Amino acid sequence: MSTVTRFAPSPTGLLHLGSAFSALLAWRRARTDGGRFLLRIEDIDASRCRPELEAAILEDLAWLGLDWDGPVRRQSDHLEEYRVVVEGLRDRGLVYPCFCTRTDIAREIAAATSAPHGPGGPLYPGTCRALSASERDARIARGDLHCLRLDAARASAAAGTYRFSDETTGEVSGDPMLAGDAVLARRDTPTSYHLAVTVDDALQGVTLVTRGVDLLPSTHLQVLLQRLLGYKTPRYAHHRLIVGPDGRRFAKRDRSSTIADLRAGGRTPAEVRAMVGF
């Protein structure tokens, strides 16, 4: 089976060296294996994503010498697909509405004698998980703002034990509770990053996910969702992070590391590729 990889930037900032490395790595794997390299725009955050930044990212990728197969998939064009998937999980009792604000959650965590922690810090304490069905329905009917969270314990029981293959660390035993009761649909959008990327990878037939090692914890949740939804689990290659002279990884806030800035400074595509080892 030929390799299908993807690069999925979010147009909330300009393409930087770290993202360019990830794109080049995925592109090279697909081209070396005679496979397909897909481009996806993760733009579900309407408040931060901007069309001009998407255009700049596409221009930078082409300038670097990357080409992609098929049309660009934009998540904002597929919100109804994600909604249907979330509703299916809700019908199975695996998702529940959460009415807590960030302030509410912080207050609950501060008051708790011991709060469960994940890779990103304290996890949601499950406040709304205990609400009765009648109370949930009444609050929704009243128009109370809410997101939809995965009931991690029920999801774990439904999915069973699972593993995934990572080219860096080998076989990994999945931890379904690592992200706790993660948000699957936000208050303002019928999906979240984790749900959308899981659905997209399945629908696009992605067989190899290449991304930074900082996203390895997210894979535990995404493979759990794959199990619940009956999707095939792709292979993973969580690569090293590209860092600057100060040892910090490149990020969208680092203007000096953006491809646009390097282009304006007279760098050639070959020089920029060489800066990240290509």
C-alpha atoms as a PDB file:
ATOM      1  CA  MET A   1       0.000   0.000   0.000  1.00  0.00           C
ATOM      2  CA  SER A   2       1.422   3.368  -1.005  1.00  0.00           C
ATOM      3  CA  THR A   3       2.068   5.981   1.659  1.00  0.00           C
ATOM      4  CA  VAL A   4      -0.394   8.858   2.085  1.00  0.00           C
ATOM      5  CA  THR A   5       0.898  11.713   4.216  1.00  0.00           C
ATOM      6  CA  ARG A   6      -0.480  15.143   4.951  1.00  0.00           C
ATOM      7  CA  PHE A   7       0.533  18.580   6.141  1.00  0.00           C
ATOM      8  CA  ALA A   8      -2.176  20.432   8.051  1.00  0.00           C
ATOM      9  CA  PRO A   9      -1.271  23.999   9.034  1.00  0.00           C
ATOM     10  CA  SER A  10      -3.601  26.393  10.793  1.00  0.00           C
ATOM     11  CA  PRO A  11      -3.699  29.853   9.157  1.00  0.00           C
ATOM     12  CA  THR A  12      -3.243  31.788  12.379  1.00  0.00           C
ATOM     13  CA  GLY A  13       0.314  32.839  11.566  1.00  0.00           C
ATOM     14  CA  LEU A  14       2.991  32.686   8.904  1.00  0.00           C
ATOM     15  CA  LEU A  15       4.817  29.467   8.041  1.00  0.00           C
ATOM     16  CA  HIS A  16       8.009  29.144  10.115  1.00  0.00           C
ATOM     17  CA  LEU A  17      11.028  26.865   9.951  1.00  0.00           C
ATOM     18  CA  GLY A  18       9.583  24.276  12.324  1.00  0.00           C
ATOM     19  CA  SER A  19       6.435  23.876  10.245  1.00  0.00           C
ATOM     20  CA  ALA A  20       8.456  23.881   7.030  1.00  0.00           C
ATOM     21  CA  PHE A  21      10.515  20.970   8.378  1.00  0.00           C
ATOM     22  CA  SER A  22       7.351  19.002   9.148  1.00  0.00           C
ATOM     23  CA  ALA A  23       5.923  19.718   5.691  1.00  0.00           C
ATOM     24  CA  LEU A  24       9.150  18.758   3.937  1.00  0.00           C
ATOM     25  CA  LEU A  25       9.392  15.542   5.922  1.00  0.00           C
ATOM     26  CA  ALA A  26       5.851  14.464   5.057  1.00  0.00           C
ATOM     27  CA  TRP A  27       6.302  15.480   1.409  1.00  0.00           C
ATOM     28  CA  ARG A  28       9.568  13.550   1.077  1.00  0.00           C
ATOM     29  CA  ARG A  29       8.082  10.393   2.627  1.00  0.00           C
ATOM     30  CA  ALA A  30       5.200  10.432   0.165  1.00  0.00           C
ATOM     31  CA  ARG A  31       7.346  11.147  -2.854  1.00  0.00           C
ATOM     32  CA  THR A  32      10.012   8.588  -1.879  1.00  0.00           C
ATOM     33  CA  ASP A  33       7.350   5.896  -1.433  1.00  0.00           C
ATOM     34  CA  GLY A  34       5.509   6.782  -4.625  1.00  0.00           C
ATOM     35  CA  GLY A  35       2.541   7.840  -2.545  1.00  0.00           C
ATOM     36  CA  ARG A  36       0.429  10.956  -2.082  1.00  0.00           C
ATOM     37  CA  PHE A  37       1.041  14.167  -0.161  1.00  0.00           C
ATOM     38  CA  LEU A  38      -2.115  15.974   0.930  1.00  0.00           C
ATOM     39  CA  LEU A  39      -2.565  19.539   2.102  1.00  0.00           C
ATOM     40  CA  ARG A  40      -5.241  20.367   4.666  1.00  0.00           C
ATOM     41  CA  ILE A  41      -6.052  23.743   6.183  1.00  0.00           C
ATOM     42  CA  GLU A  42      -7.184  23.496   9.809  1.00  0.00           C
ATOM     43  CA  ASP A  43      -9.310  26.622  10.045  1.00  0.00           C
ATOM     44  CA  ILE A  44     -12.091  25.788  12.484  1.00  0.00           C
ATOM     45  CA  ASP A  45     -11.080  28.706  14.748  1.00  0.00           C
ATOM     46  CA  ALA A  46     -12.856  31.456  12.834  1.00  0.00           C
ATOM     47  CA  SER A  47     -11.755  34.121  15.316  1.00  0.00           C
ATOM     48  CA  ARG A  48      -8.035  33.556  14.626  1.00  0.00           C
ATOM     49  CA  CYS A  49      -7.757  32.070  11.127  1.00  0.00           C
ATOM     50  CA  ARG A  50      -7.339  34.526   8.248  1.00  0.00           C
ATOM     51  CA  PRO A  51      -7.582  33.946   4.480  1.00  0.00           C
ATOM     52  CA  GLU A  52      -4.500  36.058   3.772  1.00  0.00           C
ATOM     53  CA  LEU A  53      -2.423  33.851   6.067  1.00  0.00           C
ATOM     54  CA  GLU A  54      -3.670  30.737   4.277  1.00  0.00           C
ATOM     55  CA  ALA A  55      -2.659  32.276   0.952  1.00  0.00           C
ATOM     56  CA  ALA A  56       0.777  33.123   2.372  1.00  0.00           C
ATOM     57  CA  ILE A  57       1.268  29.547   3.624  1.00  0.00           C
ATOM     58  CA  LEU A  58       0.384  28.070   0.223  1.00  0.00           C
ATOM     59  CA  GLU A  59       2.748  30.500  -1.474  1.00  0.00           C
ATOM     60  CA  ASP A  60       5.608  29.645   0.900  1.00  0.00           C
ATOM     61  CA  LEU A  61       5.108  25.901   0.418  1.00  0.00           C
ATOM     62  CA  ALA A  62       5.203  26.263  -3.361  1.00  0.00           C
ATOM     63  CA  TRP A  63       8.296  28.486  -3.099  1.00  0.00           C
ATOM     64  CA  LEU A  64      10.018  25.754  -1.088  1.00  0.00           C
ATOM     65  CA  GLY A  65       9.354  23.362  -3.967  1.00  0.00           C
ATOM     66  CA  LEU A  66       6.490  21.364  -2.448  1.00  0.00           C
ATOM     67  CA  ASP A  67       3.558  20.170  -4.502  1.00  0.00           C
ATOM     68  CA  TRP A  68       0.479  18.357  -3.244  1.00  0.00           C
ATOM     69  CA  ASP A  69      -2.015  15.895  -4.612  1.00  0.00           C
ATOM     70  CA  GLY A  70      -5.649  16.785  -5.108  1.00  0.00           C
ATOM     71  CA  PRO A  71      -7.516  19.831  -3.810  1.00  0.00           C
ATOM     72  CA  VAL A  72      -6.775  21.474  -0.484  1.00  0.00           C
ATOM     73  CA  ARG A  73      -9.218  20.319   2.215  1.00  0.00           C
ATOM     74  CA  ARG A  74     -10.445  23.142   4.441  1.00  0.00           C
ATOM     75  CA  GLN A  75     -12.025  22.068   7.690  1.00  0.00           C
ATOM     76  CA  SER A  76     -14.404  25.027   7.682  1.00  0.00           C
ATOM     77  CA  ASP A  77     -16.082  23.466   4.626  1.00  0.00           C
ATOM     78  CA  HIS A  78     -16.884  20.251   6.491  1.00  0.00           C
ATOM     79  CA  LEU A  79     -18.443  21.356   9.781  1.00  0.00           C
ATOM     80  CA  GLU A  80     -21.632  19.394   9.146  1.00  0.00           C
ATOM     81  CA  GLU A  81     -19.631  16.179   8.698  1.00  0.00           C
ATOM     82  CA  TYR A  82     -18.020  16.685  12.090  1.00  0.00           C
ATOM     83  CA  ARG A  83     -21.383  17.507  13.667  1.00  0.00           C
ATOM     84  CA  VAL A  84     -22.832  14.195  12.492  1.00  0.00           C
ATOM     85  CA  VAL A  85     -19.883  12.257  13.959  1.00  0.00           C
ATOM     86  CA  VAL A  86     -20.172  13.981  17.336  1.00  0.00           C
ATOM     87  CA  GLU A  87     -23.924  13.386  17.451  1.00  0.00           C
ATOM     88  CA  GLY A  88     -23.308   9.704  16.772  1.00  0.00           C
ATOM     89  CA  LEU A  89     -21.007   9.521  19.781  1.00  0.00           C
ATOM     90  CA  ARG A  90     -23.569  11.410  21.830  1.00  0.00           C
ATOM     91  CA  ASP A  91     -26.296   8.947  20.875  1.00  0.00           C
ATOM     92  CA  ARG A  92     -24.056   6.179  22.232  1.00  0.00           C
ATOM     93  CA  GLY A  93     -23.713   7.942  25.584  1.00  0.00           C
ATOM     94  CA  LEU A  94     -20.031   8.712  25.030  1.00  0.00           C
ATOM     95  CA  VAL A  95     -20.369  12.494  24.950  1.00  0.00           C
ATOM     96  CA  TYR A  96     -22.000  14.889  27.387  1.00  0.00           C
ATOM     97  CA  PRO A  97     -22.669  18.656  27.453  1.00  0.00           C
ATOM     98  CA  CYS A  98     -20.427  20.788  29.647  1.00  0.00           C
ATOM     99  CA  PHE A  99     -21.635  24.210  30.773  1.00  0.00           C
ATOM    100  CA  CYS A 100     -18.511  25.182  32.709  1.00  0.00           C
ATOM    101  CA  THR A 101     -16.592  28.323  31.854  1.00  0.00           C
ATOM    102  CA  ARG A 102     -12.811  28.457  32.143  1.00  0.00           C
ATOM    103  CA  THR A 103     -13.279  30.327  35.411  1.00  0.00           C
ATOM    104  CA  ASP A 104     -15.570  27.586  36.723  1.00  0.00           C
ATOM    105  CA  ILE A 105     -13.029  24.912  35.838  1.00  0.00           C
ATOM    106  CA  ALA A 106     -10.144  26.804  37.420  1.00  0.00           C
ATOM    107  CA  ARG A 107     -12.194  27.254  40.600  1.00  0.00           C
ATOM    108  CA  GLU A 108     -13.041  23.547  40.755  1.00  0.00           C
ATOM    109  CA  ILE A 109      -9.413  22.541  40.260  1.00  0.00           C
ATOM    110  CA  ALA A 110      -8.218  24.981  42.928  1.00  0.00           C
ATOM    111  CA  ALA A 111     -10.759  23.636  45.412  1.00  0.00           C
ATOM    112  CA  ALA A 112      -9.923  19.998  44.775  1.00  0.00           C
ATOM    113  CA  THR A 113      -7.523  18.271  47.150  1.00  0.00           C
ATOM    114  CA  SER A 114      -5.998  16.433  44.193  1.00  0.00           C
ATOM    115  CA  ALA A 115      -6.756  17.058  40.541  1.00  0.00           C
ATOM    116  CA  PRO A 116      -5.824  14.630  37.756  1.00  0.00           C
ATOM    117  CA  HIS A 117      -3.099  15.944  35.489  1.00  0.00           C
ATOM    118  CA  GLY A 118      -2.304  15.357  31.826  1.00  0.00           C
ATOM    119  CA  PRO A 119       0.681  16.426  29.725  1.00  0.00           C
ATOM    120  CA  GLY A 120      -0.727  19.955  29.484  1.00  0.00           C
ATOM    121  CA  GLY A 121      -1.565  20.389  33.161  1.00  0.00           C
ATOM    122  CA  PRO A 122      -4.701  19.783  35.260  1.00  0.00           C
ATOM    123  CA  LEU A 123      -7.507  17.947  33.504  1.00  0.00           C
ATOM    124  CA  TYR A 124     -11.164  18.880  33.502  1.00  0.00           C
ATOM    125  CA  PRO A 125     -12.554  17.629  36.846  1.00  0.00           C
ATOM    126  CA  GLY A 126     -15.762  16.205  35.352  1.00  0.00           C
ATOM    127  CA  THR A 127     -18.158  18.651  37.012  1.00  0.00           C
ATOM    128  CA  CYS A 128     -20.910  18.383  34.379  1.00  0.00           C
ATOM    129  CA  ARG A 129     -20.512  14.646  33.935  1.00  0.00           C
ATOM    130  CA  ALA A 130     -22.654  14.147  37.032  1.00  0.00           C
ATOM    131  CA  LEU A 131     -25.602  16.240  35.803  1.00  0.00           C
ATOM    132  CA  SER A 132     -28.837  14.334  35.276  1.00  0.00           C
ATOM    133  CA  ALA A 133     -30.297  14.004  31.805  1.00  0.00           C
ATOM    134  CA  SER A 134     -33.236  16.214  32.783  1.00  0.00           C
ATOM    135  CA  GLU A 135     -30.952  18.977  34.055  1.00  0.00           C
ATOM    136  CA  ARG A 136     -28.817  18.823  30.919  1.00  0.00           C
ATOM    137  CA  ASP A 137     -31.913  19.040  28.713  1.00  0.00           C
ATOM    138  CA  ALA A 138     -33.327  21.935  30.714  1.00  0.00           C
ATOM    139  CA  ARG A 139     -30.119  23.954  30.494  1.00  0.00           C
ATOM    140  CA  ILE A 140     -29.804  23.330  26.776  1.00  0.00           C
ATOM    141  CA  ALA A 141     -33.447  24.327  26.242  1.00  0.00           C
ATOM    142  CA  ARG A 142     -32.752  27.482  28.238  1.00  0.00           C
ATOM    143  CA  GLY A 143     -29.989  28.355  25.816  1.00  0.00           C
ATOM    144  CA  ASP A 144     -27.054  27.936  28.194  1.00  0.00           C
ATOM    145  CA  LEU A 145     -23.752  27.926  26.316  1.00  0.00           C
ATOM    146  CA  HIS A 146     -22.001  24.583  26.370  1.00  0.00           C
ATOM    147  CA  CYS A 147     -19.386  22.438  24.703  1.00  0.00           C
ATOM    148  CA  LEU A 148     -19.498  18.671  24.266  1.00  0.00           C
ATOM    149  CA  ARG A 149     -16.971  16.523  26.099  1.00  0.00           C
ATOM    150  CA  LEU A 150     -15.936  12.915  25.671  1.00  0.00           C
ATOM    151  CA  ASP A 151     -16.749  10.730  28.660  1.00  0.00           C
ATOM    152  CA  ALA A 152     -13.264   9.227  28.802  1.00  0.00           C
ATOM    153  CA  ALA A 153     -14.148   6.415  31.194  1.00  0.00           C
ATOM    154  CA  ARG A 154     -17.075   5.204  29.080  1.00  0.00           C
ATOM    155  CA  ALA A 155     -15.051   5.663  25.905  1.00  0.00           C
ATOM    156  CA  SER A 156     -12.226   3.600  27.375  1.00  0.00           C
ATOM    157  CA  ALA A 157     -14.605   0.777  28.230  1.00  0.00           C
ATOM    158  CA  ALA A 158     -16.147   0.880  24.751  1.00  0.00           C
ATOM    159  CA  ALA A 159     -12.806   0.973  22.923  1.00  0.00           C
ATOM    160  CA  GLY A 160     -10.902  -1.581  24.972  1.00  0.00           C
ATOM    161  CA  THR A 161      -7.130  -1.689  25.094  1.00  0.00           C
ATOM    162  CA  TYR A 162      -5.262  -0.344  22.091  1.00  0.00           C
ATOM    163  CA  ARG A 163      -1.800   0.361  20.745  1.00  0.00           C
ATOM    164  CA  PHE A 164      -0.328   2.445  17.960  1.00  0.00           C
ATOM    165  CA  SER A 165       2.944   2.335  16.081  1.00  0.00           C
ATOM    166  CA  ASP A 166       5.354   5.260  16.206  1.00  0.00           C
ATOM    167  CA  GLU A 167       8.552   5.226  14.169  1.00  0.00           C
ATOM    168  CA  THR A 168      10.414   7.111  16.883  1.00  0.00           C
ATOM    169  CA  THR A 169       9.355   5.296  20.050  1.00  0.00           C
ATOM    170  CA  GLY A 170       8.084   1.967  18.660  1.00  0.00           C
ATOM    171  CA  GLU A 171       4.849   0.350  19.788  1.00  0.00           C
ATOM    172  CA  VAL A 172       2.964   2.549  22.243  1.00  0.00           C
ATOM    173  CA  SER A 173       0.243   1.372  24.637  1.00  0.00           C
ATOM    174  CA  GLY A 174      -2.676   3.760  24.389  1.00  0.00           C
ATOM    175  CA  ASP A 175      -3.717   5.683  27.486  1.00  0.00           C
ATOM    176  CA  PRO A 176      -7.397   6.609  27.017  1.00  0.00           C
ATOM    177  CA  MET A 177      -7.439   8.754  30.144  1.00  0.00           C
ATOM    178  CA  LEU A 178      -4.397  10.852  29.241  1.00  0.00           C
ATOM    179  CA  ALA A 179      -6.473  13.796  27.987  1.00  0.00           C
ATOM    180  CA  GLY A 180      -9.367  13.235  30.381  1.00  0.00           C
ATOM    181  CA  ASP A 181     -12.820  14.308  29.244  1.00  0.00           C
ATOM    182  CA  ALA A 182     -11.567  16.205  26.208  1.00  0.00           C
ATOM    183  CA  VAL A 183     -13.711  18.696  24.313  1.00  0.00           C
ATOM    184  CA  LEU A 184     -15.005  17.244  21.026  1.00  0.00           C
ATOM    185  CA  ALA A 185     -17.270  20.128  20.023  1.00  0.00           C
ATOM    186  CA  ARG A 186     -16.625  23.692  21.089  1.00  0.00           C
ATOM    187  CA  ARG A 187     -19.195  26.257  22.125  1.00  0.00           C
ATOM    188  CA  ASP A 188     -18.892  28.148  18.848  1.00  0.00           C
ATOM    189  CA  THR A 189     -17.951  25.290  16.491  1.00  0.00           C
ATOM    190  CA  PRO A 190     -19.421  21.775  16.131  1.00  0.00           C
ATOM    191  CA  THR A 191     -15.987  20.191  16.401  1.00  0.00           C
ATOM    192  CA  SER A 192     -12.576  20.479  18.010  1.00  0.00           C
ATOM    193  CA  TYR A 193      -9.048  19.904  16.788  1.00  0.00           C
ATOM    194  CA  HIS A 194      -8.963  16.307  18.004  1.00  0.00           C
ATOM    195  CA  LEU A 195     -12.285  15.302  16.465  1.00  0.00           C
ATOM    196  CA  ALA A 196     -11.707  17.091  13.160  1.00  0.00           C
ATOM    197  CA  VAL A 197      -8.205  15.754  12.591  1.00  0.00           C
ATOM    198  CA  THR A 198      -9.345  12.203  13.373  1.00  0.00           C
ATOM    199  CA  VAL A 199     -12.226  12.398  10.898  1.00  0.00           C
ATOM    200  CA  ASP A 200     -10.083  14.064   8.234  1.00  0.00           C
ATOM    201  CA  ASP A 201      -7.273  11.519   8.431  1.00  0.00           C
ATOM    202  CA  ALA A 202      -9.788   8.695   8.025  1.00  0.00           C
ATOM    203  CA  LEU A 203     -11.746  10.267   5.167  1.00  0.00           C
ATOM    204  CA  GLN A 204      -8.574  11.219   3.300  1.00  0.00           C
ATOM    205  CA  GLY A 205      -7.030   7.789   3.688  1.00  0.00           C
ATOM    206  CA  VAL A 206      -3.923   9.013   5.499  1.00  0.00           C
ATOM    207  CA  THR A 207      -1.610   6.084   6.235  1.00  0.00           C
ATOM    208  CA  LEU A 208       1.310   7.932   7.859  1.00  0.00           C
ATOM    209  CA  VAL A 209       1.036  10.951  10.158  1.00  0.00           C
ATOM    210  CA  THR A 210       4.294  12.882  10.464  1.00  0.00           C
ATOM    211  CA  ARG A 211       4.337  15.631  13.090  1.00  0.00           C
ATOM    212  CA  GLY A 212       6.344  16.987  16.007  1.00  0.00           C
ATOM    213  CA  VAL A 213       7.032  14.901  19.073  1.00  0.00           C
ATOM    214  CA  ASP A 214       5.205  17.529  21.137  1.00  0.00           C
ATOM    215  CA  LEU A 215       1.960  16.153  19.663  1.00  0.00           C
ATOM    216  CA  LEU A 216       2.618  12.575  20.755  1.00  0.00           C
ATOM    217  CA  PRO A 217       0.259  12.903  23.774  1.00  0.00           C
ATOM    218  CA  SER A 218      -2.555  13.916  21.400  1.00  0.00           C
ATOM    219  CA  THR A 219      -2.178  10.642  19.539  1.00  0.00           C
ATOM    220  CA  HIS A 220      -3.484   8.674  22.527  1.00  0.00           C
ATOM    221  CA  LEU A 221      -6.823  10.514  22.298  1.00  0.00           C
ATOM    222  CA  GLN A 222      -7.013  10.437  18.505  1.00  0.00           C
ATOM    223  CA  VAL A 223      -6.399   6.691  18.331  1.00  0.00           C
ATOM    224  CA  LEU A 224      -9.070   6.237  21.006  1.00  0.00           C
ATOM    225  CA  LEU A 225     -11.490   8.154  18.762  1.00  0.00           C
ATOM    226  CA  GLN A 226     -10.439   6.010  15.805  1.00  0.00           C
ATOM    227  CA  ARG A 227     -11.346   2.914  17.791  1.00  0.00           C
ATOM    228  CA  LEU A 228     -14.733   4.326  18.755  1.00  0.00           C
ATOM    229  CA  LEU A 229     -15.521   5.361  15.181  1.00  0.00           C
ATOM    230  CA  GLY A 230     -14.301   2.201  13.493  1.00  0.00           C
ATOM    231  CA  TYR A 231     -11.475   3.950  11.623  1.00  0.00           C
ATOM    232  CA  LYS A 232      -8.169   2.387  10.656  1.00  0.00           C
ATOM    233  CA  THR A 233      -5.209   3.633  12.684  1.00  0.00           C
ATOM    234  CA  PRO A 234      -2.401   5.073  10.546  1.00  0.00           C
ATOM    235  CA  ARG A 235       1.293   4.772  11.340  1.00  0.00           C
ATOM    236  CA  TYR A 236       2.882   7.686  13.149  1.00  0.00           C
ATOM    237  CA  ALA A 237       6.273   9.365  12.911  1.00  0.00           C
ATOM    238  CA  HIS A 238       6.670  11.957  15.654  1.00  0.00           C
ATOM    239  CA  HIS A 239       9.790  13.822  14.626  1.00  0.00           C
ATOM    240  CA  ARG A 240      12.224  15.997  16.534  1.00  0.00           C
ATOM    241  CA  LEU A 241      11.478  19.690  16.937  1.00  0.00           C
ATOM    242  CA  ILE A 242      13.507  22.311  15.121  1.00  0.00           C
ATOM    243  CA  VAL A 243      14.956  24.814  17.584  1.00  0.00           C
ATOM    244  CA  GLY A 244      16.731  28.132  17.263  1.00  0.00           C
ATOM    245  CA  PRO A 245      20.132  29.205  18.618  1.00  0.00           C
ATOM    246  CA  ASP A 246      18.562  29.810  22.025  1.00  0.00           C
ATOM    247  CA  GLY A 247      17.300  26.214  22.201  1.00  0.00           C
ATOM    248  CA  ARG A 248      13.648  27.226  21.920  1.00  0.00           C
ATOM    249  CA  ARG A 249      11.476  25.641  19.262  1.00  0.00           C
ATOM    250  CA  PHE A 250      10.362  27.855  16.423  1.00  0.00           C
ATOM    251  CA  ALA A 251       6.822  29.168  16.696  1.00  0.00           C
ATOM    252  CA  LYS A 252       4.502  31.573  14.919  1.00  0.00           C
ATOM    253  CA  ARG A 253       5.543  34.344  17.263  1.00  0.00           C
ATOM    254  CA  ASP A 254       9.137  34.188  15.953  1.00  0.00           C
ATOM    255  CA  ARG A 255       9.065  36.557  13.000  1.00  0.00           C
ATOM    256  CA  SER A 256      12.748  36.013  12.222  1.00  0.00           C
ATOM    257  CA  SER A 257      12.123  32.311  11.562  1.00  0.00           C
ATOM    258  CA  THR A 258       9.225  32.739   9.140  1.00  0.00           C
ATOM    259  CA  ILE A 259       9.719  31.685   5.551  1.00  0.00           C
ATOM    260  CA  ALA A 260       8.396  35.070   4.431  1.00  0.00           C
ATOM    261  CA  ASP A 261      11.084  36.873   6.431  1.00  0.00           C
ATOM    262  CA  LEU A 262      13.811  34.575   5.124  1.00  0.00           C
ATOM    263  CA  ARG A 263      12.606  35.114   1.561  1.00  0.00           C
ATOM    264  CA  ALA A 264      12.610  38.870   2.054  1.00  0.00           C
ATOM    265  CA  GLY A 265      16.163  38.595   3.378  1.00  0.00           C
ATOM    266  CA  GLY A 266      17.354  37.062   0.143  1.00  0.00           C
ATOM    267  CA  ARG A 267      17.480  33.394   1.101  1.00  0.00           C
ATOM    268  CA  THR A 268      16.907  30.880  -1.681  1.00  0.00           C
ATOM    269  CA  PRO A 269      14.600  27.862  -1.375  1.00  0.00           C
ATOM    270  CA  ALA A 270      17.641  25.570  -1.322  1.00  0.00           C
ATOM    271  CA  GLU A 271      19.210  27.565   1.519  1.00  0.00           C
ATOM    272  CA  VAL A 272      16.027  27.466   3.590  1.00  0.00           C
ATOM    273  CA  ARG A 273      15.611  23.733   3.033  1.00  0.00           C
ATOM    274  CA  ALA A 274      19.227  23.239   4.084  1.00  0.00           C
ATOM    275  CA  MET A 275      18.588  25.184   7.304  1.00  0.00           C
ATOM    276  CA  VAL A 276      16.278  22.370   8.449  1.00  0.00           C
ATOM    277  CA  GLY A 277      18.377  19.511   7.108  1.00  0.00           C
ATOM    278  CA  PHE A 278      16.989  19.030   3.596  1.00  0.00           C
END
